[in-house]
Every structure is written in C-alpha cells, then in structure tokens.
C-alpha cells in the first residue's frame, strides 16, 4: 500500500485525510490491473451515488471481490451506527465539520441538513451532485427530507470545487428562494454555507 495516507494519518490525524485516502487505508492494497488509488476512487464514486450499495454493486468494481465487498458493507453499517447524529449545531463552524469531507470533490454537492427542535443534526442528505445551474434546484427536493424526518429547521450547504468561497449570484438567489419556502412550510432555513475542505463561508452572515 502507498504509505502516503498512513503517514499522513500518523502525522496529522485521521480527520485531515480525504475520503479517498481513508478508503485507501481501509482497502489496504489494490488489485492486479487496478492500483489502490484508482480502486479507492471508483469505490468513492459508487458511495457518493449510493449510500447503501449491495454486494452486487460493490463487486461490479474491478478489484472488489465478495470478501472485500462484505468488509465494506460491515464498515458502512458500523459507521451508520456510530455516526454523530444528534450533534448540536451552535453555528456554521459546527455544520462545516459535518460536511467538510466533501470539500475536495471534483463535482458540486448540494446538501440539506435537517435539525431537530434542540438544533441537533438529524442527517445529512445529498440533494444533487454535479448540477451546473443551482437555480434549477427545486425547493421540493431540498425540503423533502426535512418533512419526512419532521425537522424543525434546516441548513443547506454546497462545495465549490474551484476552491472559491465567494457566494455567486446563483447562490444568493437559491438562498432567497429557500428562505421564502421555509417560511411558508414552517421549517426555516437557518443558513447556507459554501465550503471546500479547508474553509467555508456563510451566505447569511456575509
């Protein structure tokens, strides 16, 4: 295995590794004809598109056999049982910690984070991936998870693959629309943050 992610973990801590680097450590090694970095990248793409892949989904990736697929499923289930649902959000920095692992993605992720009455995170939902025009994001898709999970409020967030944190006019337009819809639904939008892996910007506080 490439020692890079392992050495980085020892030097900086696991929380500073990208999702791909974490998967490289979990997988341990690549396969014949499929380098570890490529294998981790393929798995990450699948997991971005499908939060609960089947054994068949996993083994469709070259280099992931049944035993490795079962290990990945066990890892995902363990993570679900241990994830920090109920983590309180006091401000945008708390929210950033829950989504920053998506900051290095080459595609844009638009996320909805429903909160309960105590301001705790219920879940983190991916609304869209790779949508070029954010004005096409429909409030129905954003608020659907909040309605299903009886959230009291929501926060939305999206990464800027370019690394530029300045909110665009599209970002501000979407924010205004979601604020209006949240008021009508009785599920207020508390914030909209733009982020990459190292920093973030709150649209409602800038």
C-alpha atoms as a PDB file:
ATOM      1  CA  UNK A   1       0.000   0.000   0.000  1.00  0.00           C
ATOM      2  CA  UNK A   2       1.092   3.569  -0.707  1.00  0.00           C
ATOM      3  CA  UNK A   3       2.489   4.801   2.619  1.00  0.00           C
ATOM      4  CA  UNK A   4       1.269   8.345   1.948  1.00  0.00           C
ATOM      5  CA  UNK A   5      -2.172   8.153   3.608  1.00  0.00           C
ATOM      6  CA  UNK A   6      -0.826   6.083   6.507  1.00  0.00           C
ATOM      7  CA  UNK A   7       1.988   8.536   7.200  1.00  0.00           C
ATOM      8  CA  UNK A   8      -0.390  11.467   6.834  1.00  0.00           C
ATOM      9  CA  UNK A   9      -2.754   9.912   9.384  1.00  0.00           C
ATOM     10  CA  UNK A  10       0.061   9.481  11.902  1.00  0.00           C
ATOM     11  CA  UNK A  11       1.351  12.991  11.253  1.00  0.00           C
ATOM     12  CA  UNK A  12      -1.894  14.983  11.126  1.00  0.00           C
ATOM     13  CA  UNK A  13      -4.708  12.729  12.382  1.00  0.00           C
ATOM     14  CA  UNK A  14      -7.451  10.804  10.596  1.00  0.00           C
ATOM     15  CA  UNK A  15      -9.718  13.837  10.366  1.00  0.00           C
ATOM     16  CA  UNK A  16      -7.267  15.502   7.953  1.00  0.00           C
ATOM     17  CA  UNK A  17      -7.406  12.688   5.401  1.00  0.00           C
ATOM     18  CA  UNK A  18      -9.627  12.938   2.346  1.00  0.00           C
ATOM     19  CA  UNK A  19     -12.352  10.330   1.874  1.00  0.00           C
ATOM     20  CA  UNK A  20     -10.275   8.721  -0.870  1.00  0.00           C
ATOM     21  CA  UNK A  21      -7.255   8.476   1.438  1.00  0.00           C
ATOM     22  CA  UNK A  22      -9.398   6.883   4.160  1.00  0.00           C
ATOM     23  CA  UNK A  23     -10.686   4.316   1.675  1.00  0.00           C
ATOM     24  CA  UNK A  24      -7.124   3.579   0.579  1.00  0.00           C
ATOM     25  CA  UNK A  25      -6.248   2.747   4.186  1.00  0.00           C
ATOM     26  CA  UNK A  26      -9.351   0.585   4.601  1.00  0.00           C
ATOM     27  CA  UNK A  27      -8.799  -1.312   1.337  1.00  0.00           C
ATOM     28  CA  UNK A  28      -5.121  -1.817   2.110  1.00  0.00           C
ATOM     29  CA  UNK A  29      -3.974  -2.738  -1.375  1.00  0.00           C
ATOM     30  CA  UNK A  30      -5.058  -2.591  -4.974  1.00  0.00           C
ATOM     31  CA  UNK A  31      -5.570  -5.484  -7.325  1.00  0.00           C
ATOM     32  CA  UNK A  32      -3.973  -6.780 -10.478  1.00  0.00           C
ATOM     33  CA  UNK A  33      -4.586  -4.128 -13.098  1.00  0.00           C
ATOM     34  CA  UNK A  34      -6.221  -1.703 -10.657  1.00  0.00           C
ATOM     35  CA  UNK A  35      -3.992   0.485  -8.492  1.00  0.00           C
ATOM     36  CA  UNK A  36      -5.072   1.237  -4.938  1.00  0.00           C
ATOM     37  CA  UNK A  37      -5.709   4.920  -5.629  1.00  0.00           C
ATOM     38  CA  UNK A  38      -7.870   4.087  -8.657  1.00  0.00           C
ATOM     39  CA  UNK A  39      -9.746   1.401  -6.719  1.00  0.00           C
ATOM     40  CA  UNK A  40     -10.459   3.824  -3.865  1.00  0.00           C
ATOM     41  CA  UNK A  41     -11.591   6.469  -6.347  1.00  0.00           C
ATOM     42  CA  UNK A  42     -14.006   4.023  -8.013  1.00  0.00           C
ATOM     43  CA  UNK A  43     -15.415   2.969  -4.654  1.00  0.00           C
ATOM     44  CA  UNK A  44     -15.811   6.579  -3.558  1.00  0.00           C
ATOM     45  CA  UNK A  45     -17.752   7.384  -6.736  1.00  0.00           C
ATOM     46  CA  UNK A  46     -20.105   4.488  -6.049  1.00  0.00           C
ATOM     47  CA  UNK A  47     -20.617   5.542  -2.422  1.00  0.00           C
ATOM     48  CA  UNK A  48     -21.308   9.133  -3.455  1.00  0.00           C
ATOM     49  CA  UNK A  49     -24.072   7.896  -5.737  1.00  0.00           C
ATOM     50  CA  UNK A  50     -25.403   5.133  -3.486  1.00  0.00           C
ATOM     51  CA  UNK A  51     -25.267   5.372   0.305  1.00  0.00           C
ATOM     52  CA  UNK A  52     -26.230   1.720   0.741  1.00  0.00           C
ATOM     53  CA  UNK A  53     -24.652  -0.333  -2.066  1.00  0.00           C
ATOM     54  CA  UNK A  54     -25.416  -4.033  -2.354  1.00  0.00           C
ATOM     55  CA  UNK A  55     -22.798  -6.757  -2.566  1.00  0.00           C
ATOM     56  CA  UNK A  56     -23.520  -6.876  -6.298  1.00  0.00           C
ATOM     57  CA  UNK A  57     -22.938  -3.126  -6.618  1.00  0.00           C
ATOM     58  CA  UNK A  58     -19.612  -3.401  -4.824  1.00  0.00           C
ATOM     59  CA  UNK A  59     -18.341  -6.440  -6.712  1.00  0.00           C
ATOM     60  CA  UNK A  60     -19.099  -4.682 -10.004  1.00  0.00           C
ATOM     61  CA  UNK A  61     -15.924  -2.670  -9.311  1.00  0.00           C
ATOM     62  CA  UNK A  62     -12.840  -4.396 -10.659  1.00  0.00           C
ATOM     63  CA  UNK A  63     -10.684  -5.459  -7.725  1.00  0.00           C
ATOM     64  CA  UNK A  64     -13.500  -5.806  -5.174  1.00  0.00           C
ATOM     65  CA  UNK A  65     -14.352  -9.463  -4.621  1.00  0.00           C
ATOM     66  CA  UNK A  66     -17.038 -10.882  -2.334  1.00  0.00           C
ATOM     67  CA  UNK A  67     -14.934 -10.903   0.853  1.00  0.00           C
ATOM     68  CA  UNK A  68     -13.811  -7.314   0.348  1.00  0.00           C
ATOM     69  CA  UNK A  69     -17.385  -6.250  -0.501  1.00  0.00           C
ATOM     70  CA  UNK A  70     -18.662  -7.831   2.715  1.00  0.00           C
ATOM     71  CA  UNK A  71     -15.978  -5.985   4.693  1.00  0.00           C
ATOM     72  CA  UNK A  72     -17.013  -2.684   3.090  1.00  0.00           C
ATOM     73  CA  UNK A  73     -20.680  -3.307   3.907  1.00  0.00           C
ATOM     74  CA  UNK A  74     -19.748  -4.084   7.513  1.00  0.00           C
ATOM     75  CA  UNK A  75     -17.683  -0.875   7.665  1.00  0.00           C
ATOM     76  CA  UNK A  76     -20.602   1.185   6.333  1.00  0.00           C
ATOM     77  CA  UNK A  77     -23.053  -0.316   8.811  1.00  0.00           C
ATOM     78  CA  UNK A  78     -20.657   0.250  11.714  1.00  0.00           C
ATOM     79  CA  UNK A  79     -20.234   3.853  10.596  1.00  0.00           C
ATOM     80  CA  UNK A  80     -24.004   4.362  10.468  1.00  0.00           C
ATOM     81  CA  UNK A  81     -24.347   3.050  13.998  1.00  0.00           C
ATOM     82  CA  UNK A  82     -21.598   5.321  15.280  1.00  0.00           C
ATOM     83  CA  UNK A  83     -22.214   8.464  13.244  1.00  0.00           C
ATOM     84  CA  UNK A  84     -22.734  11.718  15.076  1.00  0.00           C
ATOM     85  CA  UNK A  85     -26.445  12.143  14.612  1.00  0.00           C
ATOM     86  CA  UNK A  86     -27.694  14.358  17.386  1.00  0.00           C
ATOM     87  CA  UNK A  87     -24.596  16.535  17.173  1.00  0.00           C
ATOM     88  CA  UNK A  88     -25.623  20.066  18.120  1.00  0.00           C
ATOM     89  CA  UNK A  89     -25.132  22.957  15.720  1.00  0.00           C
ATOM     90  CA  UNK A  90     -24.302  26.198  17.509  1.00  0.00           C
ATOM     91  CA  UNK A  91     -23.059  27.972  14.398  1.00  0.00           C
ATOM     92  CA  UNK A  92     -21.773  27.455  10.860  1.00  0.00           C
ATOM     93  CA  UNK A  93     -18.450  26.056  12.095  1.00  0.00           C
ATOM     94  CA  UNK A  94     -20.246  23.061  13.643  1.00  0.00           C
ATOM     95  CA  UNK A  95     -22.046  22.435  10.376  1.00  0.00           C
ATOM     96  CA  UNK A  96     -18.788  22.709   8.429  1.00  0.00           C
ATOM     97  CA  UNK A  97     -17.287  19.871  10.478  1.00  0.00           C
ATOM     98  CA  UNK A  98     -20.153  17.612   9.382  1.00  0.00           C
ATOM     99  CA  UNK A  99     -19.692  18.254   5.649  1.00  0.00           C
ATOM    100  CA  UNK A 100     -16.032  19.188   5.113  1.00  0.00           C
ATOM    101  CA  UNK A 101     -15.132  15.663   3.947  1.00  0.00           C
ATOM    102  CA  UNK A 102     -16.971  16.510   0.714  1.00  0.00           C
ATOM    103  CA  UNK A 103     -14.944  19.662   0.168  1.00  0.00           C
ATOM    104  CA  UNK A 104     -12.363  18.076  -2.121  1.00  0.00           C
ATOM    105  CA  UNK A 105     -14.859  16.514  -4.531  1.00  0.00           C
ATOM    106  CA  UNK A 106     -14.428  17.453  -8.215  1.00  0.00           C
ATOM    107  CA  UNK A 107     -18.210  17.763  -8.548  1.00  0.00           C
ATOM    108  CA  UNK A 108     -20.501  20.067  -6.631  1.00  0.00           C
ATOM    109  CA  UNK A 109     -22.618  18.509  -3.878  1.00  0.00           C
ATOM    110  CA  UNK A 110     -25.734  20.363  -2.700  1.00  0.00           C
ATOM    111  CA  UNK A 111     -26.707  19.165   0.772  1.00  0.00           C
ATOM    112  CA  UNK A 112     -29.692  19.510   3.092  1.00  0.00           C
ATOM    113  CA  UNK A 113     -29.099  19.102   6.829  1.00  0.00           C
ATOM    114  CA  UNK A 114     -32.355  18.785   8.832  1.00  0.00           C
ATOM    115  CA  UNK A 115     -32.220  19.804  12.507  1.00  0.00           C
ATOM    116  CA  UNK A 116     -34.466  18.790  15.393  1.00  0.00           C
ATOM    117  CA  UNK A 117     -36.014  21.090  17.986  1.00  0.00           C
ATOM    118  CA  UNK A 118     -32.796  21.151  20.016  1.00  0.00           C
ATOM    119  CA  UNK A 119     -30.735  22.209  16.997  1.00  0.00           C
ATOM    120  CA  UNK A 120     -29.177  18.774  16.556  1.00  0.00           C
ATOM    121  CA  UNK A 121     -28.322  17.234  13.198  1.00  0.00           C
ATOM    122  CA  UNK A 122     -30.810  14.564  12.161  1.00  0.00           C
ATOM    123  CA  UNK A 123     -28.997  13.549   8.988  1.00  0.00           C
ATOM    124  CA  UNK A 124     -27.038  14.892   6.018  1.00  0.00           C
ATOM    125  CA  UNK A 125     -28.835  14.445   2.681  1.00  0.00           C
ATOM    126  CA  UNK A 126     -27.350  14.873  -0.779  1.00  0.00           C
ATOM    127  CA  UNK A 127     -29.891  16.756  -2.890  1.00  0.00           C
ATOM    128  CA  UNK A 128     -27.900  16.971  -6.138  1.00  0.00           C
ATOM    129  CA  UNK A 129     -24.452  16.073  -7.468  1.00  0.00           C
ATOM    130  CA  UNK A 130     -22.779  17.941 -10.299  1.00  0.00           C
ATOM    131  CA  UNK A 131     -25.654  20.292 -11.123  1.00  0.00           C
ATOM    132  CA  UNK A 132     -24.180  23.136 -13.180  1.00  0.00           C
ATOM    133  CA  UNK A 133     -27.024  25.627 -12.657  1.00  0.00           C
ATOM    134  CA  UNK A 134     -28.009  25.865  -8.995  1.00  0.00           C
ATOM    135  CA  UNK A 135     -31.127  27.880  -9.860  1.00  0.00           C
ATOM    136  CA  UNK A 136     -32.576  24.566 -11.109  1.00  0.00           C
ATOM    137  CA  UNK A 137     -32.562  23.175  -7.554  1.00  0.00           C
ATOM    138  CA  UNK A 138     -36.211  22.741  -6.598  1.00  0.00           C
ATOM    139  CA  UNK A 139     -37.249  23.569  -3.021  1.00  0.00           C
ATOM    140  CA  UNK A 140     -39.386  20.412  -3.021  1.00  0.00           C
ATOM    141  CA  UNK A 141     -36.239  18.288  -3.300  1.00  0.00           C
ATOM    142  CA  UNK A 142     -34.485  20.300  -0.602  1.00  0.00           C
ATOM    143  CA  UNK A 143     -37.295  20.218   1.955  1.00  0.00           C
ATOM    144  CA  UNK A 144     -38.481  16.631   1.302  1.00  0.00           C
ATOM    145  CA  UNK A 145     -36.014  15.055   3.798  1.00  0.00           C
ATOM    146  CA  UNK A 146     -36.913  17.662   6.419  1.00  0.00           C
ATOM    147  CA  UNK A 147     -40.630  16.939   6.051  1.00  0.00           C
ATOM    148  CA  UNK A 148     -40.114  13.162   6.195  1.00  0.00           C
ATOM    149  CA  UNK A 149     -37.927  13.425   9.296  1.00  0.00           C
ATOM    150  CA  UNK A 150     -40.115  16.044  10.988  1.00  0.00           C
ATOM    151  CA  UNK A 151     -37.304  18.545  11.185  1.00  0.00           C
ATOM    152  CA  UNK A 152     -37.845  21.890  12.867  1.00  0.00           C
ATOM    153  CA  UNK A 153     -35.339  23.741  10.670  1.00  0.00           C
ATOM    154  CA  UNK A 154     -32.714  23.100   8.010  1.00  0.00           C
ATOM    155  CA  UNK A 155     -29.286  24.256   6.910  1.00  0.00           C
ATOM    156  CA  UNK A 156     -28.107  23.809   3.332  1.00  0.00           C
ATOM    157  CA  UNK A 157     -24.535  23.645   2.094  1.00  0.00           C
ATOM    158  CA  UNK A 158     -22.626  23.115  -1.112  1.00  0.00           C
ATOM    159  CA  UNK A 159     -18.977  22.772  -2.035  1.00  0.00           C
ATOM    160  CA  UNK A 160     -17.190  24.888  -4.622  1.00  0.00           C
ATOM    161  CA  UNK A 161     -14.760  22.564  -6.461  1.00  0.00           C
ATOM    162  CA  UNK A 162     -12.906  25.646  -7.721  1.00  0.00           C
ATOM    163  CA  UNK A 163     -11.904  26.484  -4.142  1.00  0.00           C
ATOM    164  CA  UNK A 164     -13.504  29.931  -4.445  1.00  0.00           C
ATOM    165  CA  UNK A 165     -15.647  30.682  -1.391  1.00  0.00           C
ATOM    166  CA  UNK A 166     -17.290  33.902  -2.538  1.00  0.00           C
ATOM    167  CA  UNK A 167     -21.029  33.157  -2.970  1.00  0.00           C
ATOM    168  CA  UNK A 168     -22.258  33.635  -6.527  1.00  0.00           C
ATOM    169  CA  UNK A 169     -25.430  35.417  -7.591  1.00  0.00           C
ATOM    170  CA  UNK A 170     -26.933  31.964  -8.177  1.00  0.00           C
ATOM    171  CA  UNK A 171     -26.057  31.005  -4.593  1.00  0.00           C
ATOM    172  CA  UNK A 172     -27.800  34.091  -3.235  1.00  0.00           C
ATOM    173  CA  UNK A 173     -30.818  33.573  -5.484  1.00  0.00           C
ATOM    174  CA  UNK A 174     -31.245  29.973  -4.312  1.00  0.00           C
ATOM    175  CA  UNK A 175     -30.848  31.095  -0.696  1.00  0.00           C
ATOM    176  CA  UNK A 176     -33.614  33.706  -1.029  1.00  0.00           C
ATOM    177  CA  UNK A 177     -35.931  31.161  -2.615  1.00  0.00           C
ATOM    178  CA  UNK A 178     -35.301  28.600   0.130  1.00  0.00           C
ATOM    179  CA  UNK A 179     -35.793  31.244   2.821  1.00  0.00           C
ATOM    180  CA  UNK A 180     -39.211  32.070   1.357  1.00  0.00           C
ATOM    181  CA  UNK A 181     -40.228  28.411   1.042  1.00  0.00           C
ATOM    182  CA  UNK A 182     -39.021  27.615   4.536  1.00  0.00           C
ATOM    183  CA  UNK A 183     -41.153  30.405   5.927  1.00  0.00           C
ATOM    184  CA  UNK A 184     -44.229  29.064   4.110  1.00  0.00           C
ATOM    185  CA  UNK A 185     -43.579  25.495   5.298  1.00  0.00           C
ATOM    186  CA  UNK A 186     -42.755  26.475   8.862  1.00  0.00           C
ATOM    187  CA  UNK A 187     -39.298  24.910   8.503  1.00  0.00           C
ATOM    188  CA  UNK A 188     -36.943  27.900   8.449  1.00  0.00           C
ATOM    189  CA  UNK A 189     -33.637  27.906   6.612  1.00  0.00           C
ATOM    190  CA  UNK A 190     -31.048  28.835   9.243  1.00  0.00           C
ATOM    191  CA  UNK A 191     -28.035  29.156   6.964  1.00  0.00           C
ATOM    192  CA  UNK A 192     -26.471  28.306   3.630  1.00  0.00           C
ATOM    193  CA  UNK A 193     -22.745  27.683   3.634  1.00  0.00           C
ATOM    194  CA  UNK A 194     -20.279  27.425   0.762  1.00  0.00           C
ATOM    195  CA  UNK A 195     -17.238  25.299   1.566  1.00  0.00           C
ATOM    196  CA  UNK A 196     -14.144  23.450   0.466  1.00  0.00           C
ATOM    197  CA  UNK A 197     -12.064  21.050   2.539  1.00  0.00           C
ATOM    198  CA  UNK A 198     -10.234  23.764   4.477  1.00  0.00           C
ATOM    199  CA  UNK A 199     -12.694  26.628   4.965  1.00  0.00           C
ATOM    200  CA  UNK A 200     -16.255  27.849   4.488  1.00  0.00           C
ATOM    201  CA  UNK A 201     -18.353  30.962   4.042  1.00  0.00           C
ATOM    202  CA  UNK A 202     -21.844  31.579   5.466  1.00  0.00           C
ATOM    203  CA  UNK A 203     -24.096  33.259   2.901  1.00  0.00           C
ATOM    204  CA  UNK A 204     -26.463  34.585   5.551  1.00  0.00           C
ATOM    205  CA  UNK A 205     -23.627  36.045   7.613  1.00  0.00           C
ATOM    206  CA  UNK A 206     -21.709  37.781   4.832  1.00  0.00           C
END
